[in-house]
Amino acid sequence: MRDDIVRWLLEDADPSLEYQTRRDLVGQPAVELSALRRDIGSRGWTRALLDRRGPDGHWGNGAYNPKWTCTHYVLYELAQLELPPGDPRCAESARLLLSYPRGRDGGVNYAKTVDYSDVCVNGMLLGIAARFIVGDGGAGARTPDEAAIDDLVDYLLSKRMDDGGWNCAYYQGGTRSSLHTTIAVVEGLLSFIDSGRSHRATEVRSAVGSAVEFILRHRLCRSERTGEVIADEFFKFPFPVRWKYDILRCLDLFRRHGIPYDPGMDEALDRLATARGRDGRWKAASQAGATYLVVEANGKPGKWNTLRALRVLERYGRAGT
C-alpha cells in the first residue's frame, strides 16, 4: 500500500509537496532534487501566495491582520512549504516585521494596545527571520539584521520558565509552560540553529534540550500533574500549522531535527497511527479562519497530512502500525 500512497502523493503534485515527498519518503538525494527545490517559488501554492504580496511588502493589512492572510502568517506558511532560504521578497517582508516596536518586555510587539509582546509570535518570527534573512557569513561587527535576530533570541531565552518551556501568559502570573507556546519557540530556536548563527549557541541548544524534555514529560499530550489529556484538539492536525499545538506538529518537528525516539512519544505515535484511514491516508484539516487558498478540503483525504504522518511513523519505526 505504501507505494500506492507515494504514487498518489506525487500525482499532479505541487512542487513543494513533490519535493518533500521525494526527499522524505522516496529518499532521493539532494543533488537530484535541486531543480525541483528551486521551482517551489515559481508555481503552485507558494507562487499563489507570493503573487498576493502587496507593493508595500505586506500581505493583508500588515503584520498581523487579517489573521491568516497577514504578513506574519503568510511568511510562516511559506516557511512550512520550504520556499528556499534567502528569497529576497520574503527577506524584505521579514525585515518589516522585525522593525515593529518592542514591548516593555523586549520582544517584537505588533499590537498598539498591549504593553507586553507575545512569546509565541516572537518564536514564530524568529523562525521566519532565521530562514529568509540569510547572513553573509562574514566576521566582524553584527549587521542590523543579525542584531535584530539576536535580540529575538535574547528575548526568548529571558522568558524561559523553570519547567523548561514557555508561556505567553507569563506576565499575567502564569508559572507553568504551555505546549502551544513552547512548540513555537522551539521551532524558532531550531531554525536559528539551522541558519548557522552562533549567538549564545550553547544556551540556545540547552534551552531546546530542556524544552524537548518538558514536552516528553507530558507525553506530548497529557498534564504532568493529573495525567489527563490536556486538549482533544491535540489529535487534530491542521496544515498549514498556525499557532495551535498538536501531536503531529510536534512529532514532525522532532523528526526534522533528529530528536531520537523516546518512550514519551509512544502514545502520540499510537494516536497518529490510528488516525490513518482504511485507504492508508490521513484526512486534511485546517484551523478555522479565512485564507487566500483552500488547497485541501477538511475531512477529505489530505496529501499534506498523509506525507507528514508517514514520514514521522517511518522515522520512529511505526510505519507498519
C-alpha atoms as a PDB file:
ATOM      1  CA  MET A   1       0.000   0.000   0.000  1.00  0.00           C
ATOM      2  CA  ARG A   2       2.855   2.406   0.739  1.00  0.00           C
ATOM      3  CA  ASP A   3       3.964   2.541  -2.904  1.00  0.00           C
ATOM      4  CA  ASP A   4       0.392   3.320  -3.947  1.00  0.00           C
ATOM      5  CA  ILE A   5       0.244   6.132  -1.397  1.00  0.00           C
ATOM      6  CA  VAL A   6       3.513   7.618  -2.620  1.00  0.00           C
ATOM      7  CA  ARG A   7       2.281   7.498  -6.221  1.00  0.00           C
ATOM      8  CA  TRP A   8      -0.903   9.268  -5.109  1.00  0.00           C
ATOM      9  CA  LEU A   9       1.116  11.952  -3.340  1.00  0.00           C
ATOM     10  CA  LEU A  10       3.128  12.591  -6.494  1.00  0.00           C
ATOM     11  CA  GLU A  11       0.135  12.782  -8.855  1.00  0.00           C
ATOM     12  CA  ASP A  12      -0.173  16.384 -10.104  1.00  0.00           C
ATOM     13  CA  ALA A  13       1.730  17.427  -7.008  1.00  0.00           C
ATOM     14  CA  ASP A  14       2.506  20.963  -6.020  1.00  0.00           C
ATOM     15  CA  PRO A  15       6.313  21.414  -6.276  1.00  0.00           C
ATOM     16  CA  SER A  16       6.647  21.815  -2.510  1.00  0.00           C
ATOM     17  CA  LEU A  17       4.697  18.631  -1.837  1.00  0.00           C
ATOM     18  CA  GLU A  18       6.603  16.748  -4.524  1.00  0.00           C
ATOM     19  CA  TYR A  19       9.944  17.963  -3.207  1.00  0.00           C
ATOM     20  CA  GLN A  20       9.224  16.910   0.364  1.00  0.00           C
ATOM     21  CA  THR A  21       7.727  13.579  -0.722  1.00  0.00           C
ATOM     22  CA  ARG A  22      10.721  12.696  -2.887  1.00  0.00           C
ATOM     23  CA  ARG A  23      13.143  13.762  -0.178  1.00  0.00           C
ATOM     24  CA  ASP A  24      11.435  12.230   2.850  1.00  0.00           C
ATOM     25  CA  LEU A  25       9.601   9.169   1.517  1.00  0.00           C
ATOM     26  CA  VAL A  26      11.340   8.257  -1.736  1.00  0.00           C
ATOM     27  CA  GLY A  27      14.779   9.122  -0.370  1.00  0.00           C
ATOM     28  CA  GLN A  28      16.117  10.898  -3.426  1.00  0.00           C
ATOM     29  CA  PRO A  29      19.407  12.706  -2.780  1.00  0.00           C
ATOM     30  CA  ALA A  30      19.551  16.473  -2.652  1.00  0.00           C
ATOM     31  CA  VAL A  31      21.542  16.739  -5.883  1.00  0.00           C
ATOM     32  CA  GLU A  32      18.673  15.126  -7.804  1.00  0.00           C
ATOM     33  CA  LEU A  33      16.133  17.473  -6.244  1.00  0.00           C
ATOM     34  CA  SER A  34      17.928  20.786  -6.651  1.00  0.00           C
ATOM     35  CA  ALA A  35      15.951  21.867  -9.717  1.00  0.00           C
ATOM     36  CA  LEU A  36      12.653  20.894  -8.128  1.00  0.00           C
ATOM     37  CA  ARG A  37      13.586  22.796  -4.981  1.00  0.00           C
ATOM     38  CA  ARG A  38      14.338  25.931  -6.991  1.00  0.00           C
ATOM     39  CA  ASP A  39      10.923  25.533  -8.647  1.00  0.00           C
ATOM     40  CA  ILE A  40       8.990  25.790  -5.371  1.00  0.00           C
ATOM     41  CA  GLY A  41       8.527  29.545  -5.628  1.00  0.00           C
ATOM     42  CA  SER A  42       7.659  29.617  -9.320  1.00  0.00           C
ATOM     43  CA  ARG A  43       4.326  27.791  -9.381  1.00  0.00           C
ATOM     44  CA  GLY A  44       1.654  26.184  -7.273  1.00  0.00           C
ATOM     45  CA  TRP A  45       0.711  27.065  -3.701  1.00  0.00           C
ATOM     46  CA  THR A  46       3.850  29.042  -2.923  1.00  0.00           C
ATOM     47  CA  ARG A  47       3.659  31.106  -6.104  1.00  0.00           C
ATOM     48  CA  ALA A  48      -0.010  31.889  -5.423  1.00  0.00           C
ATOM     49  CA  LEU A  49       0.912  33.288  -2.003  1.00  0.00           C
ATOM     50  CA  LEU A  50       3.859  35.280  -3.329  1.00  0.00           C
ATOM     51  CA  ASP A  51       1.644  36.813  -6.013  1.00  0.00           C
ATOM     52  CA  ARG A  52      -0.626  38.214  -3.291  1.00  0.00           C
ATOM     53  CA  ARG A  53       2.166  40.209  -1.669  1.00  0.00           C
ATOM     54  CA  GLY A  54       1.466  43.938  -1.849  1.00  0.00           C
ATOM     55  CA  PRO A  55       3.796  46.617  -3.222  1.00  0.00           C
ATOM     56  CA  ASP A  56       4.476  47.716   0.359  1.00  0.00           C
ATOM     57  CA  GLY A  57       5.967  44.293   1.144  1.00  0.00           C
ATOM     58  CA  HIS A  58       3.000  43.187   3.240  1.00  0.00           C
ATOM     59  CA  TRP A  59       0.197  40.711   2.851  1.00  0.00           C
ATOM     60  CA  GLY A  60      -3.294  41.581   4.056  1.00  0.00           C
ATOM     61  CA  ASN A  61      -3.463  44.737   6.138  1.00  0.00           C
ATOM     62  CA  GLY A  62       0.029  44.469   7.576  1.00  0.00           C
ATOM     63  CA  ALA A  63       1.863  42.465  10.180  1.00  0.00           C
ATOM     64  CA  TYR A  64      -0.999  40.653  11.909  1.00  0.00           C
ATOM     65  CA  ASN A  65      -4.351  41.396  10.272  1.00  0.00           C
ATOM     66  CA  PRO A  66      -6.399  39.624   8.981  1.00  0.00           C
ATOM     67  CA  LYS A  67      -5.253  36.622  10.978  1.00  0.00           C
ATOM     68  CA  TRP A  68      -4.177  34.055   8.358  1.00  0.00           C
ATOM     69  CA  THR A  69      -3.715  36.447   5.437  1.00  0.00           C
ATOM     70  CA  CYS A  70      -1.377  38.855   7.233  1.00  0.00           C
ATOM     71  CA  THR A  71       2.346  39.146   6.638  1.00  0.00           C
ATOM     72  CA  HIS A  72       3.314  37.172   9.740  1.00  0.00           C
ATOM     73  CA  TYR A  73       1.254  34.098   8.949  1.00  0.00           C
ATOM     74  CA  VAL A  74       1.853  34.060   5.202  1.00  0.00           C
ATOM     75  CA  LEU A  75       5.622  34.092   5.801  1.00  0.00           C
ATOM     76  CA  TYR A  76       5.154  31.317   8.368  1.00  0.00           C
ATOM     77  CA  GLU A  77       3.168  29.353   5.766  1.00  0.00           C
ATOM     78  CA  LEU A  78       5.840  29.880   3.111  1.00  0.00           C
ATOM     79  CA  ALA A  79       8.480  28.585   5.525  1.00  0.00           C
ATOM     80  CA  GLN A  80       6.448  25.401   6.021  1.00  0.00           C
ATOM     81  CA  LEU A  81       6.189  24.993   2.255  1.00  0.00           C
ATOM     82  CA  GLU A  82      10.010  25.227   2.281  1.00  0.00           C
ATOM     83  CA  LEU A  83      10.433  28.137  -0.037  1.00  0.00           C
ATOM     84  CA  PRO A  84      14.246  28.185  -0.165  1.00  0.00           C
ATOM     85  CA  PRO A  85      16.076  30.406   2.333  1.00  0.00           C
ATOM     86  CA  GLY A  86      17.040  33.890   1.287  1.00  0.00           C
ATOM     87  CA  ASP A  87      14.101  34.628  -1.009  1.00  0.00           C
ATOM     88  CA  PRO A  88      14.514  38.410  -1.393  1.00  0.00           C
ATOM     89  CA  ARG A  89      10.782  39.166  -1.237  1.00  0.00           C
ATOM     90  CA  CYS A  90      10.356  37.248   1.988  1.00  0.00           C
ATOM     91  CA  ALA A  91      13.559  38.675   3.414  1.00  0.00           C
ATOM     92  CA  GLU A  92      12.263  42.200   2.818  1.00  0.00           C
ATOM     93  CA  SER A  93       8.916  41.361   4.424  1.00  0.00           C
ATOM     94  CA  ALA A  94      10.602  39.704   7.396  1.00  0.00           C
ATOM     95  CA  ARG A  95      12.627  42.868   7.940  1.00  0.00           C
ATOM     96  CA  LEU A  96       9.378  44.830   8.044  1.00  0.00           C
ATOM     97  CA  LEU A  97       8.165  42.596  10.861  1.00  0.00           C
ATOM     98  CA  LEU A  98      11.440  42.961  12.751  1.00  0.00           C
ATOM     99  CA  SER A  99      11.115  46.740  12.504  1.00  0.00           C
ATOM    100  CA  TYR A 100       7.962  46.844  14.626  1.00  0.00           C
ATOM    101  CA  PRO A 101       8.271  48.409  18.091  1.00  0.00           C
ATOM    102  CA  ARG A 102       9.350  46.398  21.101  1.00  0.00           C
ATOM    103  CA  GLY A 103       7.042  45.720  24.004  1.00  0.00           C
ATOM    104  CA  ARG A 104       8.012  46.681  27.521  1.00  0.00           C
ATOM    105  CA  ASP A 105       9.419  43.147  27.942  1.00  0.00           C
ATOM    106  CA  GLY A 106      11.748  43.470  24.936  1.00  0.00           C
ATOM    107  CA  GLY A 107      10.012  41.339  22.302  1.00  0.00           C
ATOM    108  CA  VAL A 108       8.668  42.488  18.943  1.00  0.00           C
ATOM    109  CA  ASN A 109       5.153  43.780  19.525  1.00  0.00           C
ATOM    110  CA  TYR A 110       2.733  44.171  16.593  1.00  0.00           C
ATOM    111  CA  ALA A 111      -0.069  45.396  18.871  1.00  0.00           C
ATOM    112  CA  LYS A 112      -0.607  49.079  19.646  1.00  0.00           C
ATOM    113  CA  THR A 113      -2.884  48.448  22.609  1.00  0.00           C
ATOM    114  CA  VAL A 114      -0.927  45.795  24.559  1.00  0.00           C
ATOM    115  CA  ASP A 115       2.210  46.619  26.524  1.00  0.00           C
ATOM    116  CA  TYR A 116       3.715  43.127  26.503  1.00  0.00           C
ATOM    117  CA  SER A 117       4.829  41.227  23.433  1.00  0.00           C
ATOM    118  CA  ASP A 118       3.631  37.724  22.605  1.00  0.00           C
ATOM    119  CA  VAL A 119       6.166  34.947  23.225  1.00  0.00           C
ATOM    120  CA  CYS A 120       4.536  32.578  20.727  1.00  0.00           C
ATOM    121  CA  VAL A 121       4.539  35.223  17.990  1.00  0.00           C
ATOM    122  CA  ASN A 122       8.193  36.009  18.682  1.00  0.00           C
ATOM    123  CA  GLY A 123       9.073  32.315  18.440  1.00  0.00           C
ATOM    124  CA  MET A 124       7.441  32.095  15.019  1.00  0.00           C
ATOM    125  CA  LEU A 125       9.045  35.377  13.959  1.00  0.00           C
ATOM    126  CA  LEU A 126      12.479  34.056  14.892  1.00  0.00           C
ATOM    127  CA  GLY A 127      11.892  31.046  12.630  1.00  0.00           C
ATOM    128  CA  ILE A 128      10.725  33.285   9.789  1.00  0.00           C
ATOM    129  CA  ALA A 129      13.633  35.699  10.086  1.00  0.00           C
ATOM    130  CA  ALA A 130      16.256  32.984  10.518  1.00  0.00           C
ATOM    131  CA  ARG A 131      15.035  31.225   7.377  1.00  0.00           C
ATOM    132  CA  PHE A 132      14.555  34.106   4.991  1.00  0.00           C
ATOM    133  CA  ILE A 133      17.175  36.645   6.096  1.00  0.00           C
ATOM    134  CA  VAL A 134      20.426  34.974   5.111  1.00  0.00           C
ATOM    135  CA  GLY A 135      23.647  36.382   6.519  1.00  0.00           C
ATOM    136  CA  ASP A 136      26.851  36.749   4.552  1.00  0.00           C
ATOM    137  CA  GLY A 137      28.800  34.540   6.931  1.00  0.00           C
ATOM    138  CA  GLY A 138      31.475  37.161   7.381  1.00  0.00           C
ATOM    139  CA  ALA A 139      33.300  38.122  10.551  1.00  0.00           C
ATOM    140  CA  GLY A 140      33.250  41.482  12.242  1.00  0.00           C
ATOM    141  CA  ALA A 141      30.502  43.709  13.594  1.00  0.00           C
ATOM    142  CA  ARG A 142      26.947  42.445  13.527  1.00  0.00           C
ATOM    143  CA  THR A 143      24.716  43.715  10.752  1.00  0.00           C
ATOM    144  CA  PRO A 144      21.378  45.328  11.679  1.00  0.00           C
ATOM    145  CA  ASP A 145      19.667  42.110  10.567  1.00  0.00           C
ATOM    146  CA  GLU A 146      21.881  39.990  12.791  1.00  0.00           C
ATOM    147  CA  ALA A 147      21.360  42.298  15.727  1.00  0.00           C
ATOM    148  CA  ALA A 148      17.575  42.202  15.336  1.00  0.00           C
ATOM    149  CA  ILE A 149      17.527  38.399  15.110  1.00  0.00           C
ATOM    150  CA  ASP A 150      19.888  38.030  18.054  1.00  0.00           C
ATOM    151  CA  ASP A 151      17.604  40.327  20.058  1.00  0.00           C
ATOM    152  CA  LEU A 152      14.753  37.880  19.468  1.00  0.00           C
ATOM    153  CA  VAL A 153      16.923  35.074  20.828  1.00  0.00           C
ATOM    154  CA  ASP A 154      17.786  37.145  23.890  1.00  0.00           C
ATOM    155  CA  TYR A 155      14.118  37.884  24.495  1.00  0.00           C
ATOM    156  CA  LEU A 156      13.036  34.248  24.185  1.00  0.00           C
ATOM    157  CA  LEU A 157      15.814  32.958  26.423  1.00  0.00           C
ATOM    158  CA  SER A 158      14.868  35.536  29.042  1.00  0.00           C
ATOM    159  CA  LYS A 159      11.282  34.266  29.136  1.00  0.00           C
ATOM    160  CA  ARG A 160      12.030  30.582  29.819  1.00  0.00           C
ATOM    161  CA  MET A 161      10.160  29.134  32.753  1.00  0.00           C
ATOM    162  CA  ASP A 162      11.590  26.912  35.459  1.00  0.00           C
ATOM    163  CA  ASP A 163       9.934  23.799  33.992  1.00  0.00           C
ATOM    164  CA  GLY A 164      11.864  24.194  30.740  1.00  0.00           C
ATOM    165  CA  GLY A 165       9.215  25.680  28.447  1.00  0.00           C
ATOM    166  CA  TRP A 166       7.456  28.969  27.738  1.00  0.00           C
ATOM    167  CA  ASN A 167       4.035  30.505  28.254  1.00  0.00           C
ATOM    168  CA  CYS A 168       2.626  33.678  26.684  1.00  0.00           C
ATOM    169  CA  ALA A 169       0.743  34.300  29.942  1.00  0.00           C
ATOM    170  CA  TYR A 170       3.948  34.731  31.965  1.00  0.00           C
ATOM    171  CA  TYR A 171       3.227  38.430  32.568  1.00  0.00           C
ATOM    172  CA  GLN A 172      -0.239  37.564  33.899  1.00  0.00           C
ATOM    173  CA  GLY A 173       1.232  35.380  36.608  1.00  0.00           C
ATOM    174  CA  GLY A 174       1.485  32.086  34.726  1.00  0.00           C
ATOM    175  CA  THR A 175       4.143  29.799  36.172  1.00  0.00           C
ATOM    176  CA  ARG A 176       3.687  26.621  34.118  1.00  0.00           C
ATOM    177  CA  SER A 177       4.663  26.385  30.488  1.00  0.00           C
ATOM    178  CA  SER A 178       2.210  25.908  27.642  1.00  0.00           C
ATOM    179  CA  LEU A 179       2.678  23.349  24.874  1.00  0.00           C
ATOM    180  CA  HIS A 180       1.255  25.878  22.392  1.00  0.00           C
ATOM    181  CA  THR A 181       3.896  28.476  23.253  1.00  0.00           C
ATOM    182  CA  THR A 182       6.735  26.037  23.815  1.00  0.00           C
ATOM    183  CA  ILE A 183       6.457  24.372  20.405  1.00  0.00           C
ATOM    184  CA  ALA A 184       6.508  27.763  18.644  1.00  0.00           C
ATOM    185  CA  VAL A 185       9.637  28.845  20.498  1.00  0.00           C
ATOM    186  CA  VAL A 186      11.413  25.523  19.938  1.00  0.00           C
ATOM    187  CA  GLU A 187      10.658  25.786  16.205  1.00  0.00           C
ATOM    188  CA  GLY A 188      12.157  29.255  16.138  1.00  0.00           C
ATOM    189  CA  LEU A 189      15.280  28.332  18.079  1.00  0.00           C
ATOM    190  CA  LEU A 190      15.884  25.260  15.910  1.00  0.00           C
ATOM    191  CA  SER A 191      15.547  27.374  12.763  1.00  0.00           C
ATOM    192  CA  PHE A 192      18.049  29.791  14.272  1.00  0.00           C
ATOM    193  CA  ILE A 193      20.486  26.910  14.847  1.00  0.00           C
ATOM    194  CA  ASP A 194      19.920  25.599  11.305  1.00  0.00           C
ATOM    195  CA  SER A 195      20.736  29.015   9.862  1.00  0.00           C
ATOM    196  CA  GLY A 196      24.289  28.664  11.162  1.00  0.00           C
ATOM    197  CA  ARG A 197      24.136  31.636  13.500  1.00  0.00           C
ATOM    198  CA  SER A 198      26.193  31.346  16.657  1.00  0.00           C
ATOM    199  CA  HIS A 199      24.730  33.899  19.074  1.00  0.00           C
ATOM    200  CA  ARG A 200      24.526  32.295  22.543  1.00  0.00           C
ATOM    201  CA  ALA A 201      24.722  28.927  20.824  1.00  0.00           C
ATOM    202  CA  THR A 202      25.338  26.860  23.960  1.00  0.00           C
ATOM    203  CA  GLU A 203      22.414  28.465  25.780  1.00  0.00           C
ATOM    204  CA  VAL A 204      20.129  28.048  22.783  1.00  0.00           C
ATOM    205  CA  ARG A 205      20.894  24.341  22.492  1.00  0.00           C
ATOM    206  CA  SER A 206      20.450  23.878  26.228  1.00  0.00           C
ATOM    207  CA  ALA A 207      17.089  25.649  26.096  1.00  0.00           C
ATOM    208  CA  VAL A 208      15.932  23.442  23.227  1.00  0.00           C
ATOM    209  CA  GLY A 209      17.008  20.325  25.108  1.00  0.00           C
ATOM    210  CA  SER A 210      15.143  21.373  28.244  1.00  0.00           C
ATOM    211  CA  ALA A 211      12.028  22.182  26.222  1.00  0.00           C
ATOM    212  CA  VAL A 212      12.091  18.793  24.496  1.00  0.00           C
ATOM    213  CA  GLU A 213      12.340  17.162  27.916  1.00  0.00           C
ATOM    214  CA  PHE A 214       9.363  19.254  29.054  1.00  0.00           C
ATOM    215  CA  ILE A 215       7.276  18.039  26.108  1.00  0.00           C
ATOM    216  CA  LEU A 216       8.304  14.419  26.616  1.00  0.00           C
ATOM    217  CA  ARG A 217       7.408  14.593  30.310  1.00  0.00           C
ATOM    218  CA  HIS A 218       3.920  15.492  29.138  1.00  0.00           C
ATOM    219  CA  ARG A 219       3.921  12.522  26.724  1.00  0.00           C
ATOM    220  CA  LEU A 220       3.199  15.168  24.068  1.00  0.00           C
ATOM    221  CA  CYS A 221      -0.423  15.474  25.174  1.00  0.00           C
ATOM    222  CA  ARG A 222      -1.015  14.916  28.920  1.00  0.00           C
ATOM    223  CA  SER A 223      -0.919  17.007  32.058  1.00  0.00           C
ATOM    224  CA  GLU A 224       2.168  16.287  34.100  1.00  0.00           C
ATOM    225  CA  ARG A 225       0.162  16.803  37.293  1.00  0.00           C
ATOM    226  CA  THR A 226      -3.080  14.904  36.589  1.00  0.00           C
ATOM    227  CA  GLY A 227      -2.134  12.614  33.721  1.00  0.00           C
ATOM    228  CA  GLU A 228      -5.230  13.688  31.814  1.00  0.00           C
ATOM    229  CA  VAL A 229      -5.247  14.636  28.131  1.00  0.00           C
ATOM    230  CA  ILE A 230      -4.811  18.410  28.006  1.00  0.00           C
ATOM    231  CA  ALA A 231      -6.976  19.018  24.925  1.00  0.00           C
ATOM    232  CA  ASP A 232      -8.658  16.756  22.365  1.00  0.00           C
ATOM    233  CA  GLU A 233      -7.638  19.202  19.638  1.00  0.00           C
ATOM    234  CA  PHE A 234      -4.070  17.958  20.100  1.00  0.00           C
ATOM    235  CA  PHE A 235      -5.217  14.989  17.977  1.00  0.00           C
ATOM    236  CA  LYS A 236      -6.376  17.147  15.073  1.00  0.00           C
ATOM    237  CA  PHE A 237      -3.753  18.049  12.518  1.00  0.00           C
ATOM    238  CA  PRO A 238      -4.293  21.387  10.761  1.00  0.00           C
ATOM    239  CA  PHE A 239      -1.967  22.208   7.897  1.00  0.00           C
ATOM    240  CA  PRO A 240      -0.547  24.680   7.374  1.00  0.00           C
ATOM    241  CA  VAL A 241       0.314  24.977  11.049  1.00  0.00           C
ATOM    242  CA  ARG A 242      -0.879  28.210  12.656  1.00  0.00           C
ATOM    243  CA  TRP A 243      -0.418  28.826  16.386  1.00  0.00           C
ATOM    244  CA  LYS A 244      -2.055  25.764  17.913  1.00  0.00           C
ATOM    245  CA  TYR A 245      -0.091  22.797  19.184  1.00  0.00           C
ATOM    246  CA  ASP A 246      -0.873  19.260  18.037  1.00  0.00           C
ATOM    247  CA  ILE A 247       0.984  15.971  18.250  1.00  0.00           C
ATOM    248  CA  LEU A 248       1.756  15.744  14.522  1.00  0.00           C
ATOM    249  CA  ARG A 249       3.232  19.231  14.512  1.00  0.00           C
ATOM    250  CA  CYS A 250       5.421  18.206  17.442  1.00  0.00           C
ATOM    251  CA  LEU A 251       6.485  14.805  16.107  1.00  0.00           C
ATOM    252  CA  ASP A 252       7.285  16.219  12.675  1.00  0.00           C
ATOM    253  CA  LEU A 253       9.457  18.880  14.284  1.00  0.00           C
ATOM    254  CA  PHE A 254      11.271  16.208  16.313  1.00  0.00           C
ATOM    255  CA  ARG A 255      11.760  14.110  13.166  1.00  0.00           C
ATOM    256  CA  ARG A 256      13.091  17.014  11.137  1.00  0.00           C
ATOM    257  CA  HIS A 257      15.682  17.942  13.744  1.00  0.00           C
ATOM    258  CA  GLY A 258      16.856  14.468  14.656  1.00  0.00           C
ATOM    259  CA  ILE A 259      15.305  14.183  18.111  1.00  0.00           C
ATOM    260  CA  PRO A 260      15.772  10.483  18.959  1.00  0.00           C
ATOM    261  CA  TYR A 261      12.926   8.170  19.873  1.00  0.00           C
ATOM    262  CA  ASP A 262      11.811   8.333  23.480  1.00  0.00           C
ATOM    263  CA  PRO A 263       9.104   6.258  25.219  1.00  0.00           C
ATOM    264  CA  GLY A 264       7.363   9.530  25.967  1.00  0.00           C
ATOM    265  CA  MET A 265       6.399   9.598  22.273  1.00  0.00           C
ATOM    266  CA  ASP A 266       4.566   6.269  22.345  1.00  0.00           C
ATOM    267  CA  GLU A 267       1.025   7.459  22.956  1.00  0.00           C
ATOM    268  CA  ALA A 268       1.311  10.227  20.372  1.00  0.00           C
ATOM    269  CA  LEU A 269       2.726   7.808  17.793  1.00  0.00           C
ATOM    270  CA  ASP A 270      -0.099   5.356  18.507  1.00  0.00           C
ATOM    271  CA  ARG A 271      -2.701   8.110  18.182  1.00  0.00           C
ATOM    272  CA  LEU A 272      -1.172   9.257  14.921  1.00  0.00           C
ATOM    273  CA  ALA A 273      -1.146   5.723  13.512  1.00  0.00           C
ATOM    274  CA  THR A 274      -4.786   5.065  14.428  1.00  0.00           C
ATOM    275  CA  ALA A 275      -5.863   8.302  12.708  1.00  0.00           C
ATOM    276  CA  ARG A 276      -4.990   6.708   9.373  1.00  0.00           C
ATOM    277  CA  GLY A 277      -7.966   5.694   7.246  1.00  0.00           C
ATOM    278  CA  ARG A 278      -8.502   2.259   5.765  1.00  0.00           C
ATOM    279  CA  ASP A 279      -7.200   3.638   2.489  1.00  0.00           C
ATOM    280  CA  GLY A 280      -3.862   4.378   4.168  1.00  0.00           C
ATOM    281  CA  ARG A 281      -4.411   8.131   4.111  1.00  0.00           C
ATOM    282  CA  TRP A 282      -4.928  10.819   6.718  1.00  0.00           C
ATOM    283  CA  LYS A 283      -7.654  13.449   6.457  1.00  0.00           C
ATOM    284  CA  ALA A 284      -6.969  17.073   5.699  1.00  0.00           C
ATOM    285  CA  ALA A 285      -7.677  19.681   8.356  1.00  0.00           C
ATOM    286  CA  SER A 286      -7.268  23.417   8.792  1.00  0.00           C
ATOM    287  CA  GLN A 287      -7.530  25.911  11.621  1.00  0.00           C
ATOM    288  CA  ALA A 288     -10.695  27.994  11.224  1.00  0.00           C
ATOM    289  CA  GLY A 289     -10.376  31.364   9.522  1.00  0.00           C
ATOM    290  CA  ALA A 290     -10.290  32.981   6.091  1.00  0.00           C
ATOM    291  CA  THR A 291      -7.273  32.128   3.928  1.00  0.00           C
ATOM    292  CA  TYR A 292      -6.025  33.052   0.496  1.00  0.00           C
ATOM    293  CA  LEU A 293      -6.293  29.455  -0.712  1.00  0.00           C
ATOM    294  CA  VAL A 294      -8.203  26.296   0.174  1.00  0.00           C
ATOM    295  CA  VAL A 295      -5.767  23.660  -1.015  1.00  0.00           C
ATOM    296  CA  GLU A 296      -7.426  20.615   0.571  1.00  0.00           C
ATOM    297  CA  ALA A 297     -10.986  20.266   1.854  1.00  0.00           C
ATOM    298  CA  ASN A 298     -11.409  19.459   5.533  1.00  0.00           C
ATOM    299  CA  GLY A 299     -12.294  15.847   6.175  1.00  0.00           C
ATOM    300  CA  LYS A 300     -11.175  14.612   2.764  1.00  0.00           C
ATOM    301  CA  PRO A 301      -8.027  12.537   2.194  1.00  0.00           C
ATOM    302  CA  GLY A 302      -5.196  15.018   2.603  1.00  0.00           C
ATOM    303  CA  LYS A 303      -1.877  14.716   0.833  1.00  0.00           C
ATOM    304  CA  TRP A 304      -0.047  17.015   3.222  1.00  0.00           C
ATOM    305  CA  ASN A 305      -1.169  15.240   6.367  1.00  0.00           C
ATOM    306  CA  THR A 306      -0.510  11.863   4.764  1.00  0.00           C
ATOM    307  CA  LEU A 307       3.038  12.914   3.888  1.00  0.00           C
ATOM    308  CA  ARG A 308       3.678  14.376   7.336  1.00  0.00           C
ATOM    309  CA  ALA A 309       2.267  11.402   9.217  1.00  0.00           C
ATOM    310  CA  LEU A 310       4.027   8.790   7.083  1.00  0.00           C
ATOM    311  CA  ARG A 311       7.432  10.357   7.414  1.00  0.00           C
ATOM    312  CA  VAL A 312       7.007  10.607  11.194  1.00  0.00           C
ATOM    313  CA  LEU A 313       5.925   6.981  11.580  1.00  0.00           C
ATOM    314  CA  GLU A 314       8.748   5.775   9.351  1.00  0.00           C
ATOM    315  CA  ARG A 315      11.319   7.836  11.234  1.00  0.00           C
ATOM    316  CA  TYR A 316      10.224   6.389  14.569  1.00  0.00           C
ATOM    317  CA  GLY A 317       9.795   2.800  13.411  1.00  0.00           C
ATOM    318  CA  ARG A 318       5.999   2.734  13.342  1.00  0.00           C
ATOM    319  CA  ALA A 319       5.398   2.515   9.603  1.00  0.00           C
ATOM    320  CA  GLY A 320       3.683  -0.859   9.934  1.00  0.00           C
ATOM    321  CA  THR A 321       1.338   0.116  12.784  1.00  0.00           C
END
